[in-house]
N, C-alpha and C. Protein backbone atom coordinates (compact mmCIF):
# COMPACT_ATOMS: atom_id res chain seq x y z
N MET A 1 100.42 83.96 123.76
CA MET A 1 101.03 84.87 122.85
C MET A 1 101.07 86.30 123.46
N SER A 2 102.24 86.88 123.45
CA SER A 2 102.33 88.26 123.98
C SER A 2 102.47 89.21 122.77
N THR A 3 102.13 90.49 123.01
CA THR A 3 102.19 91.48 122.01
C THR A 3 102.88 92.77 122.47
N ASP A 4 103.46 93.50 121.57
CA ASP A 4 104.13 94.76 121.90
C ASP A 4 103.80 95.67 120.67
N THR A 5 103.08 96.85 120.94
CA THR A 5 102.64 97.61 119.79
C THR A 5 103.37 98.94 119.81
N SER A 6 103.72 99.41 118.58
CA SER A 6 104.26 100.76 118.47
C SER A 6 103.60 101.42 117.29
N GLY A 7 103.46 102.73 117.28
CA GLY A 7 102.90 103.41 116.15
C GLY A 7 102.38 104.76 116.55
N ASP A 8 101.57 105.38 115.72
CA ASP A 8 101.12 106.74 115.92
C ASP A 8 99.76 106.84 116.63
N GLY A 9 99.18 105.72 117.09
CA GLY A 9 97.91 105.78 117.80
C GLY A 9 96.70 105.76 116.82
N ASN A 10 96.98 105.88 115.55
CA ASN A 10 95.83 105.89 114.51
C ASN A 10 95.77 104.61 113.79
N GLY A 11 96.30 103.54 114.30
CA GLY A 11 96.23 102.21 113.68
C GLY A 11 97.42 102.03 112.70
N ASN A 12 98.29 103.08 112.66
CA ASN A 12 99.48 102.92 111.81
C ASN A 12 100.67 102.46 112.68
N GLY A 13 101.35 101.52 112.22
CA GLY A 13 102.52 101.10 113.05
C GLY A 13 102.50 99.52 112.94
N THR A 14 103.23 98.98 113.92
CA THR A 14 103.41 97.54 113.93
C THR A 14 103.16 97.01 115.34
N THR A 15 102.81 95.75 115.35
CA THR A 15 102.64 95.02 116.66
C THR A 15 103.54 93.81 116.61
N LYS A 16 104.37 93.74 117.59
CA LYS A 16 105.26 92.53 117.77
C LYS A 16 104.45 91.48 118.44
N ILE A 17 104.52 90.29 117.87
CA ILE A 17 103.86 89.07 118.54
C ILE A 17 104.88 88.02 118.68
N ASP A 18 104.76 87.27 119.73
CA ASP A 18 105.63 86.11 119.95
C ASP A 18 104.79 84.82 119.58
N VAL A 19 105.38 84.07 118.74
CA VAL A 19 104.69 82.89 118.32
C VAL A 19 105.60 81.62 118.45
N ARG A 20 105.07 80.60 118.97
CA ARG A 20 105.92 79.40 119.17
C ARG A 20 105.70 78.51 117.90
N VAL A 21 106.81 78.10 117.38
CA VAL A 21 106.76 77.12 116.20
C VAL A 21 107.74 76.00 116.48
N PRO A 22 107.39 74.86 115.94
CA PRO A 22 108.28 73.70 116.09
C PRO A 22 109.68 74.02 115.55
N SER A 23 110.77 73.54 116.19
CA SER A 23 112.11 73.78 115.79
C SER A 23 112.33 73.45 114.33
N ARG A 24 111.78 72.32 113.85
CA ARG A 24 112.01 71.87 112.46
C ARG A 24 111.43 72.97 111.50
N LEU A 25 110.22 73.52 111.85
CA LEU A 25 109.61 74.49 110.95
C LEU A 25 110.46 75.70 110.91
N LEU A 26 111.02 76.12 112.02
CA LEU A 26 111.91 77.29 112.08
C LEU A 26 113.22 77.04 111.23
N GLU A 27 113.72 75.87 111.26
CA GLU A 27 114.87 75.55 110.44
C GLU A 27 114.53 75.68 108.90
N LYS A 28 113.36 75.22 108.54
CA LYS A 28 112.89 75.38 107.14
C LYS A 28 112.73 76.87 106.78
N ILE A 29 112.14 77.62 107.69
CA ILE A 29 111.98 79.02 107.43
C ILE A 29 113.32 79.69 107.16
N ASP A 30 114.26 79.41 108.08
CA ASP A 30 115.62 79.93 107.93
C ASP A 30 116.36 79.46 106.61
N GLU A 31 116.08 78.31 106.16
CA GLU A 31 116.65 77.80 104.90
C GLU A 31 116.04 78.50 103.71
N GLU A 32 114.78 78.92 103.81
CA GLU A 32 114.08 79.39 102.64
C GLU A 32 114.02 80.91 102.51
N TYR A 33 114.02 81.66 103.60
CA TYR A 33 113.67 83.02 103.38
C TYR A 33 114.64 83.86 102.57
N GLU A 34 115.94 83.54 102.67
CA GLU A 34 116.84 84.31 101.76
C GLU A 34 116.69 83.85 100.29
N ARG A 35 116.44 82.53 100.14
CA ARG A 35 116.29 82.08 98.72
C ARG A 35 115.09 82.72 98.09
N ARG A 36 114.13 83.05 98.80
CA ARG A 36 112.88 83.68 98.28
C ARG A 36 112.98 85.20 98.16
N GLY A 37 114.16 85.73 98.64
CA GLY A 37 114.31 87.19 98.52
C GLY A 37 113.98 88.02 99.73
N ASP A 38 113.60 87.37 100.88
CA ASP A 38 113.26 88.05 102.06
C ASP A 38 114.60 88.42 102.77
N THR A 39 114.66 89.54 103.47
CA THR A 39 115.87 89.95 104.16
C THR A 39 115.94 89.53 105.64
N SER A 40 114.83 89.03 106.05
CA SER A 40 114.82 88.57 107.48
C SER A 40 113.77 87.50 107.71
N ARG A 41 113.83 86.84 108.82
CA ARG A 41 112.81 85.90 109.24
C ARG A 41 111.45 86.56 109.40
N SER A 42 111.46 87.75 110.04
CA SER A 42 110.27 88.52 110.23
C SER A 42 109.62 88.89 108.94
N GLU A 43 110.39 89.33 108.01
CA GLU A 43 109.81 89.67 106.68
C GLU A 43 109.18 88.42 105.99
N ALA A 44 109.89 87.36 106.14
CA ALA A 44 109.33 86.06 105.52
C ALA A 44 107.97 85.69 106.14
N VAL A 45 107.85 85.83 107.48
CA VAL A 45 106.66 85.50 108.21
C VAL A 45 105.56 86.48 107.81
N ARG A 46 105.87 87.79 107.69
CA ARG A 46 104.86 88.77 107.31
C ARG A 46 104.36 88.42 105.88
N ASP A 47 105.29 88.09 104.96
CA ASP A 47 104.84 87.72 103.64
C ASP A 47 103.87 86.52 103.63
N ALA A 48 104.24 85.56 104.43
CA ALA A 48 103.43 84.31 104.56
C ALA A 48 102.07 84.63 105.09
N LEU A 49 102.01 85.52 106.08
CA LEU A 49 100.69 85.91 106.63
C LEU A 49 99.88 86.78 105.57
N ARG A 50 100.51 87.64 104.86
CA ARG A 50 99.80 88.32 103.83
C ARG A 50 99.24 87.34 102.77
N ASP A 51 99.98 86.37 102.42
CA ASP A 51 99.49 85.32 101.45
C ASP A 51 98.35 84.52 102.06
N TRP A 52 98.41 84.29 103.33
CA TRP A 52 97.28 83.56 104.03
C TRP A 52 96.03 84.41 104.01
N ILE A 53 96.15 85.68 104.21
CA ILE A 53 94.96 86.57 104.25
C ILE A 53 94.44 86.82 102.81
N ASP A 54 95.34 87.01 101.88
CA ASP A 54 95.00 87.37 100.56
C ASP A 54 95.78 86.44 99.61
N PRO A 55 95.33 85.16 99.45
CA PRO A 55 96.13 84.23 98.65
C PRO A 55 96.40 84.65 97.22
N PRO A 56 97.60 84.42 96.73
CA PRO A 56 97.84 84.73 95.35
C PRO A 56 97.00 83.75 94.46
N THR A 57 96.69 84.27 93.25
CA THR A 57 96.03 83.45 92.29
C THR A 57 96.90 82.34 91.81
N ARG A 58 96.42 81.14 91.85
CA ARG A 58 97.12 80.00 91.40
C ARG A 58 96.44 79.39 90.14
N LEU A 59 97.30 79.12 89.08
CA LEU A 59 96.70 78.54 87.89
C LEU A 59 96.69 77.03 88.01
N SER A 60 95.63 76.47 87.44
CA SER A 60 95.57 75.01 87.50
C SER A 60 96.58 74.34 86.59
N ASP A 61 96.84 73.08 86.83
CA ASP A 61 97.84 72.38 85.98
C ASP A 61 97.34 72.42 84.52
N GLU A 62 96.02 72.24 84.31
CA GLU A 62 95.47 72.27 83.00
C GLU A 62 95.75 73.63 82.31
N THR A 63 95.55 74.72 82.98
CA THR A 63 95.79 76.01 82.44
C THR A 63 97.26 76.20 82.12
N LEU A 64 98.12 75.73 83.01
CA LEU A 64 99.61 75.87 82.79
C LEU A 64 99.96 75.12 81.56
N GLU A 65 99.39 73.89 81.38
CA GLU A 65 99.66 73.14 80.18
C GLU A 65 99.21 73.81 78.88
N GLU A 66 98.06 74.42 78.93
CA GLU A 66 97.50 75.15 77.82
C GLU A 66 98.44 76.37 77.44
N LEU A 67 98.99 77.00 78.48
CA LEU A 67 99.86 78.14 78.23
C LEU A 67 101.17 77.66 77.51
N VAL A 68 101.64 76.46 77.91
CA VAL A 68 102.86 75.91 77.25
C VAL A 68 102.55 75.65 75.82
N LYS A 69 101.38 75.05 75.57
CA LYS A 69 100.96 74.69 74.17
C LYS A 69 100.82 76.02 73.37
N SER A 70 100.19 77.03 73.99
CA SER A 70 100.03 78.27 73.28
C SER A 70 101.37 78.88 72.85
N ARG A 71 102.29 78.88 73.81
CA ARG A 71 103.62 79.44 73.50
C ARG A 71 104.33 78.67 72.35
N GLU A 72 104.12 77.35 72.39
CA GLU A 72 104.72 76.52 71.30
C GLU A 72 104.11 76.92 69.94
N GLN A 73 102.78 77.05 69.94
CA GLN A 73 102.11 77.42 68.76
C GLN A 73 102.58 78.78 68.25
N ARG A 74 102.73 79.73 69.20
CA ARG A 74 103.18 81.05 68.76
C ARG A 74 104.56 80.99 68.20
N GLY A 75 105.44 80.16 68.79
CA GLY A 75 106.77 80.00 68.33
C GLY A 75 106.87 79.38 66.91
N GLN A 76 105.83 78.55 66.57
CA GLN A 76 105.82 77.84 65.30
C GLN A 76 105.00 78.67 64.27
N GLY A 77 104.55 79.88 64.68
CA GLY A 77 103.82 80.74 63.73
C GLY A 77 102.38 80.26 63.50
N GLU A 78 101.82 79.47 64.43
CA GLU A 78 100.49 78.93 64.25
C GLU A 78 99.41 79.87 64.82
N THR A 79 99.77 81.03 65.27
CA THR A 79 98.80 81.94 65.85
C THR A 79 98.71 83.22 65.06
N GLN A 80 97.67 83.98 65.31
CA GLN A 80 97.50 85.29 64.67
C GLN A 80 97.31 86.38 65.73
N SER A 81 97.71 87.51 65.42
CA SER A 81 97.58 88.66 66.33
C SER A 81 96.15 89.07 66.41
N VAL A 82 95.75 89.69 67.51
CA VAL A 82 94.41 90.16 67.64
C VAL A 82 94.04 91.21 66.63
N ASP A 83 95.09 92.05 66.24
CA ASP A 83 94.89 93.13 65.17
C ASP A 83 94.62 92.47 63.86
N ASP A 84 95.40 91.38 63.49
CA ASP A 84 95.13 90.69 62.25
C ASP A 84 93.73 90.12 62.17
N VAL A 85 93.27 89.51 63.31
CA VAL A 85 91.96 88.92 63.31
C VAL A 85 90.88 90.02 63.20
N ARG A 86 91.08 91.15 63.89
CA ARG A 86 90.11 92.22 63.82
C ARG A 86 90.06 92.75 62.35
N ASP A 87 91.17 92.94 61.73
CA ASP A 87 91.18 93.38 60.32
C ASP A 87 90.45 92.45 59.47
N ARG A 88 90.72 91.21 59.58
CA ARG A 88 90.11 90.13 58.74
C ARG A 88 88.60 90.11 58.93
N LEU A 89 88.11 90.36 60.15
CA LEU A 89 86.67 90.31 60.47
C LEU A 89 86.01 91.61 60.32
N GLY A 90 86.80 92.70 60.01
CA GLY A 90 86.27 94.05 59.82
C GLY A 90 85.77 94.64 61.15
N LEU A 91 86.44 94.36 62.25
CA LEU A 91 86.05 94.91 63.56
C LEU A 91 86.74 96.12 64.02
N ASN A 92 87.62 96.73 63.10
CA ASN A 92 88.39 97.83 63.51
C ASN A 92 87.62 99.20 63.32
N ASP A 93 86.38 99.07 62.93
CA ASP A 93 85.61 100.30 62.68
C ASP A 93 85.12 100.95 63.98
C-alpha cells in the first residue's frame, strides 16, 4: 500500500492510500455509492471506514418489531402521553 499525504503539518489534512480490491467488489461499490447519496467512490469508502471505526447503533429485530407495535397502538389511540400520565400520578409538582 502506498500513501501520499497533504495538509498543514499539524495532523490536519488527508492521506491518499492505494488499496487493491477485487473487481467484483469495486463493481458493487460503483453500483451503490450514488444510491446511498455519496458523490464519489472515495466518499463512499471514507464513509464505510468511518462506520467501521465507529459503527452506527443497530436495533435488534425484536426492538424494531416493538416499535411497529407501539406505532400501531398510538395510531389506534391505545397510548397516553407522558404529560397525561404525570398529571394522573401527580408527578408535575
